[in-house]
Amino acid sequence: MVISTSPGPVRAEEVAAVRQPVERAQLLPPRVFHDPEVFAYEQQSWFANTWLCVGREDDVAEPGTYFLARVAGESVIVIRGHDRRLRAMSNVCRHRGSTILDDSSGRVVRLQCPYHAWIYDTDGALRRAPHTEAIEDFDEEAYGLHGIRLDTWQGFVFVNISADAPALLDQLADLPAHIERYPIASLRRARRIEYDVAANWKVIAENYSECYHCPGVHPQLNRLSPYDRGQNLESEGPWAGGWMELIEAADTMSVDGGSHGRPPLTGLSEEDARRIYYFVVWPNLLLSLHPDYVMTHQVWPIDAERSHVICDWYFEPSTMERADFDAGDAVEFWDLTNRQDWAVCERQQEGTRSRTYVPGRYSLMEDMVHAFDLMVADRYADDGVTTRFGPRHDKWSDKRRMTGRATSQPTNGRG
């Protein structure tokens, strides 16, 4: 499936002020959070031409198991075939275009269209098309369900409905090297909470990318991991991230800061056991690495004004098998934090709709917001230029400057 693109509705001149160093830059023009034409462009040119995380391999572990994903307006089936191979295919019958599966997940022996009962195997091949025996030049092999590109990384399932996009690992660039020591592929989901947020997907990504707001909006979080203790990482690809440091008395991010008997994830250093890493993976995966668990947010745009967010918590199987295992302290902590975030995101969505609002300026605390916005601005401009500035090294006084592999500033600290 080839996805065509056309000149965008946001001119390069409109985002030129964003593409400056953070100390000179302005925020994105407000109409990109509200204009339906801009939203449609993003869906067609970005979401339909990039790798998107849609779930986990564990979600389709057995033959015949499947789940549905909606990608750039397309209904996509992710299914484990009877040959145990994982595939993605269009949820659209090749006859009259009816959708085939309705339930968001399940297990099937075959795929049968509910309209005229065309039947497909779990590999997408057409197996039966009633009353087509006498029609001319009808080749069943040519009428299988349209395949969609699928790849996996660290147990995550990614799909790409474009036939022309680069490989998944090319898109991820140097991100895998930064987190390869984490045993993410072996983790299992303990809990999922879904949210509907009255805010543009970019507002949510920007909010995740800074902790400037944490003292006022997230007092519980800021007590465990102060907003001014962390560092950002240098990025060579479409991602931005870094780490924040736990206080001495905290083991992890939870209601009381305790891990409640959960050991650190296998393979982590003592340094990692004192940090939370936060990554925005273009365009809509938020990846948060804790000492004892991993949390993700998938941010799915509904329209220019609304997003659907899927939040998952993952733990090691051996930890989940313990008699005293309870993820509730971590889930409750982040559920509260999420809802605090959605409230301020919705405030920004409302406020940027005002006729009086003009783009503001980034504080130096928001250089990871700027890093995300640069990914956005470059794609609006579509001029072949990748704008990238390193994290700021001069944010703190020498006595507060942290040491480590990255840079001395707060990360795209959660919040």
Protein backbone atom coordinates (compact mmCIF):
# COMPACT_ATOMS: atom_id res chain seq x y z
CA MET A 1 0.00 0.00 0.00
CA VAL A 2 1.57 3.26 -1.16
CA ILE A 3 0.50 6.34 0.79
CA SER A 4 0.73 9.51 -1.23
CA THR A 5 1.58 12.83 0.35
CA SER A 6 0.80 16.36 -0.77
CA PRO A 7 2.06 19.80 0.20
CA GLY A 8 1.14 20.47 3.79
CA PRO A 9 -1.17 23.11 5.21
CA VAL A 10 1.55 24.51 7.51
CA ARG A 11 4.19 26.49 5.62
CA ALA A 12 7.87 26.36 6.53
CA GLU A 13 7.70 30.07 7.35
CA GLU A 14 5.08 29.39 10.03
CA VAL A 15 7.41 27.10 11.96
CA ALA A 16 10.70 28.87 11.25
CA ALA A 17 10.69 30.38 14.75
CA VAL A 18 10.36 26.90 16.27
CA ARG A 19 13.43 25.69 14.38
CA GLN A 20 15.78 27.99 16.27
CA PRO A 21 17.87 27.13 19.35
CA VAL A 22 15.62 26.88 22.38
CA GLU A 23 16.80 30.19 23.84
CA ARG A 24 15.55 31.96 20.68
CA ALA A 25 12.69 29.72 19.65
CA GLN A 26 8.94 30.21 19.83
CA LEU A 27 6.35 27.53 20.48
CA LEU A 28 4.30 25.90 17.73
CA PRO A 29 1.60 28.04 16.12
CA PRO A 30 -1.68 27.34 17.92
CA ARG A 31 -3.66 26.34 14.88
CA VAL A 32 -1.71 23.08 14.61
CA PHE A 33 -3.60 21.91 17.70
CA HIS A 34 -7.04 22.73 16.29
CA ASP A 35 -7.18 22.89 12.50
CA PRO A 36 -8.94 19.83 10.97
CA GLU A 37 -6.93 20.29 7.78
CA VAL A 38 -3.67 20.08 9.75
CA PHE A 39 -4.95 16.99 11.56
CA ALA A 40 -5.86 15.30 8.26
CA TYR A 41 -2.42 16.10 6.88
CA GLU A 42 -0.71 14.57 9.92
CA GLN A 43 -2.75 11.41 9.59
CA GLN A 44 -2.09 11.03 5.88
CA SER A 45 1.53 12.14 5.72
CA TRP A 46 2.87 11.08 9.13
CA PHE A 47 0.80 8.36 10.75
CA ALA A 48 0.24 6.59 7.45
CA ASN A 49 3.96 6.63 6.64
CA THR A 50 5.70 5.68 9.85
CA TRP A 51 6.07 2.72 12.19
CA LEU A 52 3.51 2.81 15.00
CA CYS A 53 3.46 0.69 18.13
CA VAL A 54 0.10 -1.07 18.35
CA GLY A 55 0.62 -3.71 21.07
CA ARG A 56 2.76 -6.54 22.34
CA GLU A 57 3.66 -9.94 20.93
CA ASP A 58 2.11 -11.48 24.05
CA ASP A 59 -1.25 -10.08 23.00
CA VAL A 60 -1.27 -12.59 20.13
CA ALA A 61 0.74 -15.45 21.60
CA GLU A 62 -1.33 -18.40 20.31
CA PRO A 63 -2.39 -19.34 16.77
CA GLY A 64 -5.61 -17.62 15.80
CA THR A 65 -5.37 -14.88 18.41
CA TYR A 66 -5.72 -11.35 17.10
CA PHE A 67 -6.30 -7.76 18.04
CA LEU A 68 -7.49 -4.78 16.01
CA ALA A 69 -5.69 -1.46 15.66
CA ARG A 70 -6.84 1.72 13.96
CA VAL A 71 -3.95 3.33 12.12
CA ALA A 72 -4.43 6.56 10.19
CA GLY A 73 -8.11 5.71 9.74
CA GLU A 74 -7.40 2.13 8.64
CA SER A 75 -8.71 -0.89 10.56
CA VAL A 76 -5.80 -3.32 10.90
CA ILE A 77 -5.86 -6.95 12.05
CA VAL A 78 -2.76 -8.16 13.93
CA ILE A 79 -2.99 -11.95 14.06
CA ARG A 80 -0.92 -15.01 14.88
CA GLY A 81 -1.36 -17.47 12.02
CA HIS A 82 -1.78 -21.20 12.34
CA ASP A 83 1.85 -21.35 11.19
CA ARG A 84 2.65 -19.25 14.33
CA ARG A 85 3.83 -16.36 12.19
CA LEU A 86 2.73 -12.89 13.24
CA ARG A 87 1.08 -10.82 10.51
CA ALA A 88 -0.86 -7.62 9.98
CA MET A 89 -3.55 -7.24 7.34
CA SER A 90 -6.39 -4.97 6.39
CA ASN A 91 -9.71 -5.65 8.13
CA VAL A 92 -11.53 -5.12 4.83
CA CYS A 93 -13.06 -7.86 2.69
CA ARG A 94 -11.81 -7.97 -0.89
CA HIS A 95 -15.36 -8.44 -2.23
CA ARG A 96 -17.51 -5.39 -1.40
CA GLY A 97 -15.28 -3.77 1.19
CA SER A 98 -17.11 -4.79 4.36
CA THR A 99 -15.13 -4.86 7.57
CA ILE A 100 -14.64 -8.42 8.82
CA LEU A 101 -13.88 -8.44 12.54
CA ASP A 102 -15.71 -6.32 15.10
CA ASP A 103 -14.38 -7.43 18.50
CA SER A 104 -11.23 -5.58 19.53
CA SER A 105 -9.45 -8.89 20.25
CA GLY A 106 -10.17 -12.59 20.29
CA ARG A 107 -9.35 -15.94 18.73
CA VAL A 108 -10.55 -17.29 15.41
CA VAL A 109 -10.15 -20.42 13.31
CA ARG A 110 -10.64 -18.41 10.14
CA LEU A 111 -11.77 -14.95 9.07
CA GLN A 112 -15.28 -14.85 7.63
CA CYS A 113 -16.82 -11.73 6.23
CA PRO A 114 -20.23 -11.21 7.86
CA TYR A 115 -21.68 -9.76 4.65
CA HIS A 116 -21.34 -12.40 1.91
CA ALA A 117 -19.34 -15.05 3.81
CA TRP A 118 -16.07 -14.83 1.94
CA ILE A 119 -13.64 -16.84 4.07
CA TYR A 120 -9.94 -16.12 4.62
CA ASP A 121 -7.26 -18.13 6.39
CA THR A 122 -5.30 -16.65 9.27
CA ASP A 123 -2.52 -15.84 6.80
CA GLY A 124 -4.95 -13.66 4.84
CA ALA A 125 -5.35 -16.04 1.89
CA LEU A 126 -8.84 -16.32 0.39
CA ARG A 127 -10.19 -19.83 0.96
CA ARG A 128 -13.81 -19.61 -0.18
CA ALA A 129 -15.79 -17.11 -2.22
CA PRO A 130 -19.32 -18.49 -2.74
CA HIS A 131 -20.75 -18.55 -6.28
CA THR A 132 -17.62 -17.29 -7.99
CA GLU A 133 -16.86 -20.57 -9.76
CA ALA A 134 -18.28 -19.45 -13.10
CA ILE A 135 -17.02 -15.87 -13.23
CA GLU A 136 -14.25 -15.15 -15.69
CA ASP A 137 -10.64 -14.37 -14.82
CA PHE A 138 -11.19 -14.71 -11.08
CA ASP A 139 -8.04 -15.88 -9.31
CA GLU A 140 -8.59 -16.63 -5.62
CA GLU A 141 -4.87 -16.26 -4.94
CA ALA A 142 -5.05 -12.63 -6.06
CA TYR A 143 -7.87 -11.82 -3.63
CA GLY A 144 -6.32 -12.38 -0.26
CA LEU A 145 -6.55 -9.70 2.39
CA HIS A 146 -4.13 -6.83 1.83
CA GLY A 147 -1.02 -7.36 3.92
CA ILE A 148 0.41 -4.58 6.06
CA ARG A 149 4.03 -4.32 7.13
CA LEU A 150 4.73 -5.59 10.64
CA ASP A 151 7.88 -5.76 12.71
CA THR A 152 8.74 -6.20 16.38
CA TRP A 153 11.22 -4.66 18.79
CA GLN A 154 11.64 -5.50 22.48
CA GLY A 155 8.34 -7.40 22.42
CA PHE A 156 6.43 -4.43 20.99
CA VAL A 157 4.48 -4.89 17.75
CA PHE A 158 4.80 -2.12 15.17
CA VAL A 159 2.89 -1.72 11.91
CA ASN A 160 3.38 0.57 8.95
CA ILE A 161 0.74 0.91 6.27
CA SER A 162 3.19 2.46 3.82
CA ALA A 163 5.15 0.21 1.50
CA ASP A 164 7.88 2.80 1.05
CA ALA A 165 8.92 3.68 4.61
CA PRO A 166 12.36 2.58 5.87
CA ALA A 167 12.77 -0.43 8.15
CA LEU A 168 11.71 -0.19 11.79
CA LEU A 169 15.26 -0.29 13.16
CA ASP A 170 16.24 2.48 10.75
CA GLN A 171 13.45 4.62 12.17
CA LEU A 172 14.45 3.86 15.77
CA ALA A 173 18.03 4.90 14.95
CA ASP A 174 20.21 4.92 18.09
CA LEU A 175 17.38 4.46 20.60
CA PRO A 176 17.79 0.65 20.95
CA ALA A 177 21.42 1.07 21.99
CA HIS A 178 20.40 3.38 24.83
CA ILE A 179 18.05 0.86 26.43
CA GLU A 180 19.23 -2.57 25.30
CA ARG A 181 20.21 -3.50 28.89
CA TYR A 182 16.54 -3.37 29.96
CA PRO A 183 14.75 -6.76 29.66
CA ILE A 184 11.71 -5.20 28.04
CA ALA A 185 11.02 -8.09 25.65
CA SER A 186 10.47 -10.54 28.51
CA LEU A 187 8.14 -8.33 30.56
CA ARG A 188 4.43 -9.04 30.87
CA ARG A 189 1.50 -6.67 31.20
CA ALA A 190 0.01 -6.42 34.68
CA ARG A 191 -2.52 -3.65 34.09
CA ARG A 192 -4.01 -1.43 31.40
CA ILE A 193 -6.03 1.78 31.78
CA GLU A 194 -7.44 3.72 28.83
CA TYR A 195 -8.28 7.41 28.82
CA ASP A 196 -10.12 9.79 26.52
CA VAL A 197 -8.45 13.19 26.67
CA ALA A 198 -9.89 16.40 25.22
CA ALA A 199 -6.55 17.51 23.83
CA ASN A 200 -4.54 17.22 20.64
CA TRP A 201 -2.03 14.37 20.61
CA LYS A 202 0.90 16.81 20.35
CA VAL A 203 -0.20 18.61 23.51
CA ILE A 204 0.04 15.29 25.37
CA ALA A 205 3.51 14.55 23.96
CA GLU A 206 4.72 18.05 24.88
CA ASN A 207 3.41 17.65 28.41
CA TYR A 208 5.22 14.34 28.83
CA SER A 209 8.44 15.97 27.65
CA GLU A 210 9.01 18.28 30.62
CA CYS A 211 8.77 18.46 34.38
CA TYR A 212 8.65 22.24 34.52
CA HIS A 213 5.06 21.84 35.70
CA CYS A 214 5.74 19.06 38.21
CA PRO A 215 6.08 21.09 41.46
CA GLY A 216 2.61 22.59 41.04
CA VAL A 217 0.75 19.89 39.10
CA HIS A 218 2.40 16.72 40.49
CA PRO A 219 3.41 17.31 44.12
CA GLN A 220 3.37 13.55 44.75
CA LEU A 221 5.75 12.90 41.84
CA ASN A 222 7.98 15.84 42.68
CA ARG A 223 8.50 14.54 46.23
CA LEU A 224 9.88 11.25 44.88
CA SER A 225 11.78 12.58 41.88
CA PRO A 226 12.42 16.34 42.04
CA TYR A 227 11.94 18.19 38.78
CA ASP A 228 15.50 19.58 38.82
CA ARG A 229 17.41 16.29 39.19
CA GLY A 230 18.17 14.51 35.94
CA GLN A 231 19.81 14.62 32.55
CA ASN A 232 18.79 14.43 28.90
CA LEU A 233 20.30 12.15 26.29
CA GLU A 234 21.74 13.07 22.93
CA SER A 235 19.53 11.70 20.14
CA GLU A 236 20.43 10.83 16.57
CA GLY A 237 16.91 9.87 15.53
CA PRO A 238 13.21 10.71 15.90
CA TRP A 239 13.05 10.34 19.66
CA ALA A 240 13.81 12.48 22.69
CA GLY A 241 14.45 11.43 26.26
CA GLY A 242 16.55 11.24 29.36
CA TRP A 243 16.35 10.36 33.03
CA MET A 244 15.25 11.73 36.36
CA GLU A 245 16.70 10.73 39.70
CA LEU A 246 14.87 9.26 42.68
CA ILE A 247 15.40 10.70 46.14
CA GLU A 248 17.38 8.56 48.61
CA ALA A 249 14.27 7.34 50.43
CA ALA A 250 12.45 6.17 47.29
CA ASP A 251 12.85 2.84 45.48
CA THR A 252 10.57 3.57 42.55
CA MET A 253 7.62 5.66 41.44
CA SER A 254 4.70 4.46 43.54
CA VAL A 255 2.19 5.83 46.00
CA ASP A 256 4.72 5.76 48.86
CA GLY A 257 7.95 5.46 46.85
CA GLY A 258 8.40 1.84 47.90
CA SER A 259 8.76 -1.15 45.59
CA HIS A 260 6.97 -3.45 48.07
CA GLY A 261 9.32 -6.36 47.61
CA ARG A 262 9.63 -6.09 43.84
CA PRO A 263 13.29 -6.54 42.87
CA PRO A 264 14.95 -4.35 40.25
CA LEU A 265 14.63 -5.49 36.66
CA THR A 266 17.24 -8.05 35.65
CA GLY A 267 20.48 -6.62 34.32
CA LEU A 268 20.20 -3.08 35.64
CA SER A 269 23.14 -1.28 37.19
CA GLU A 270 23.00 0.40 40.59
CA GLU A 271 22.86 3.68 38.69
CA ASP A 272 19.82 2.60 36.70
CA ALA A 273 18.12 1.48 39.90
CA ARG A 274 18.11 5.13 41.03
CA ARG A 275 16.67 6.54 37.81
CA ILE A 276 13.50 6.75 35.76
CA TYR A 277 14.08 7.04 32.02
CA TYR A 278 11.50 8.77 29.84
CA PHE A 279 11.37 8.61 26.03
CA VAL A 280 9.08 10.06 23.39
CA VAL A 281 9.36 7.72 20.40
CA TRP A 282 8.01 9.41 17.29
CA PRO A 283 5.24 9.93 16.87
CA ASN A 284 3.04 8.63 19.68
CA LEU A 285 4.79 6.09 21.95
CA LEU A 286 5.80 7.28 25.42
CA LEU A 287 8.20 4.83 27.07
CA SER A 288 8.97 5.10 30.80
CA LEU A 289 11.61 2.79 32.31
CA HIS A 290 11.49 2.32 36.09
CA PRO A 291 13.82 0.31 38.31
CA ASP A 292 11.20 -2.44 38.75
CA TYR A 293 8.73 -2.01 35.89
CA VAL A 294 8.12 -0.38 32.52
CA MET A 295 5.17 1.85 31.66
CA THR A 296 4.02 2.88 28.19
CA HIS A 297 1.49 5.30 26.79
CA GLN A 298 0.16 4.97 23.26
CA VAL A 299 -1.35 8.33 22.27
CA TRP A 300 -3.86 7.82 19.45
CA PRO A 301 -5.32 10.93 17.78
CA ILE A 302 -9.09 10.85 17.39
CA ASP A 303 -9.43 14.28 15.83
CA ALA A 304 -7.71 17.64 16.22
CA GLU A 305 -9.27 18.16 19.64
CA ARG A 306 -9.27 14.65 21.17
CA SER A 307 -6.94 11.75 21.85
CA HIS A 308 -7.27 8.21 23.17
CA VAL A 309 -4.44 7.18 25.48
CA ILE A 310 -3.63 3.56 26.36
CA CYS A 311 -1.43 3.18 29.44
CA ASP A 312 0.19 -0.18 30.24
CA TRP A 313 2.33 -1.40 33.14
CA TYR A 314 4.81 -4.27 32.59
CA PHE A 315 6.70 -6.37 35.13
CA GLU A 316 9.00 -9.37 35.05
CA PRO A 317 7.14 -12.71 35.03
CA SER A 318 9.09 -13.95 38.06
CA THR A 319 7.99 -10.86 39.99
CA MET A 320 4.36 -11.33 38.97
CA GLU A 321 4.49 -14.96 40.15
CA ARG A 322 5.33 -13.93 43.71
CA ALA A 323 2.56 -14.53 46.24
CA ASP A 324 2.82 -10.95 47.46
CA PHE A 325 2.89 -9.30 44.01
CA ASP A 326 0.66 -6.26 43.72
CA ALA A 327 1.08 -3.60 41.04
CA GLY A 328 -1.53 -1.39 42.65
CA ASP A 329 0.89 1.06 44.25
CA ALA A 330 2.52 1.85 40.89
CA VAL A 331 -0.75 1.87 38.97
CA GLU A 332 -2.50 4.13 41.49
CA PHE A 333 0.43 6.56 41.48
CA TRP A 334 0.53 6.91 37.71
CA ASP A 335 -3.22 6.90 37.28
CA LEU A 336 -3.34 9.96 39.54
CA THR A 337 -0.42 11.53 37.66
CA ASN A 338 -2.05 10.79 34.31
CA ARG A 339 -5.30 12.44 35.36
CA GLN A 340 -3.41 15.47 36.64
CA ASP A 341 -1.71 15.66 33.26
CA TRP A 342 -4.91 15.32 31.26
CA ALA A 343 -6.41 18.20 33.22
CA VAL A 344 -3.63 20.63 32.28
CA CYS A 345 -3.47 19.30 28.71
CA GLU A 346 -7.16 20.08 28.36
CA ARG A 347 -6.50 23.56 29.75
CA GLN A 348 -3.84 24.13 27.09
CA GLN A 349 -6.16 22.80 24.39
CA GLU A 350 -8.86 25.24 25.48
CA GLY A 351 -6.53 28.20 25.91
CA THR A 352 -4.71 27.90 22.60
CA ARG A 353 -8.09 28.17 20.89
CA SER A 354 -8.35 31.77 22.09
CA ARG A 355 -8.02 34.59 19.56
CA THR A 356 -5.74 36.36 22.02
CA TYR A 357 -3.15 33.59 22.20
CA VAL A 358 0.07 33.90 20.22
CA PRO A 359 2.94 31.41 20.49
CA GLY A 360 4.89 31.79 23.71
CA ARG A 361 8.55 31.14 24.43
CA TYR A 362 10.22 27.99 25.73
CA SER A 363 11.84 28.10 29.11
CA LEU A 364 15.19 26.32 29.33
CA MET A 365 13.33 23.71 31.38
CA GLU A 366 11.46 22.82 28.19
CA ASP A 367 14.27 21.90 25.84
CA MET A 368 12.84 18.38 25.45
CA VAL A 369 9.49 19.91 24.52
CA HIS A 370 11.48 21.85 21.96
CA ALA A 371 13.12 18.62 20.77
CA PHE A 372 9.71 17.06 20.15
CA ASP A 373 8.38 20.23 18.52
CA LEU A 374 11.37 20.24 16.18
CA MET A 375 10.33 16.80 14.93
CA VAL A 376 6.87 18.24 14.33
CA ALA A 377 8.11 21.47 12.71
CA ASP A 378 10.54 19.69 10.38
CA ARG A 379 7.74 17.49 9.11
CA TYR A 380 5.45 20.45 8.52
CA ALA A 381 8.20 22.26 6.62
CA ASP A 382 8.99 19.10 4.63
CA ASP A 383 12.10 20.72 3.19
CA GLY A 384 14.52 17.86 3.80
CA VAL A 385 16.16 19.57 6.78
CA THR A 386 16.46 17.80 10.12
CA THR A 387 16.77 20.37 12.91
CA ARG A 388 18.42 19.06 16.05
CA PHE A 389 20.06 20.84 18.99
CA GLY A 390 21.84 19.10 21.83
CA PRO A 391 20.44 19.22 25.37
CA ARG A 392 21.38 22.30 27.36
CA HIS A 393 24.41 22.03 29.65
CA ASP A 394 24.01 25.37 31.39
CA LYS A 395 20.67 24.94 33.08
CA TRP A 396 21.96 24.49 36.60
CA SER A 397 24.64 26.05 38.74
CA ASP A 398 27.79 23.94 39.18
CA LYS A 399 26.81 22.80 42.65
CA ARG A 400 23.54 21.33 41.32
CA ARG A 401 24.94 19.85 38.15
CA MET A 402 24.53 16.08 37.99
CA THR A 403 27.09 13.58 36.76
CA GLY A 404 26.48 10.78 34.31
CA ARG A 405 26.49 9.70 30.71
CA ALA A 406 24.03 12.28 29.48
CA THR A 407 23.74 16.01 30.01
CA SER A 408 23.15 18.06 33.12
CA GLN A 409 19.52 19.05 32.99
CA PRO A 410 16.10 17.69 33.85
CA THR A 411 14.92 15.13 31.39
CA ASN A 412 11.76 15.09 29.43
CA GLY A 413 10.58 14.47 32.94
CA ARG A 414 7.29 12.83 33.24
CA GLY A 415 4.29 14.88 33.86
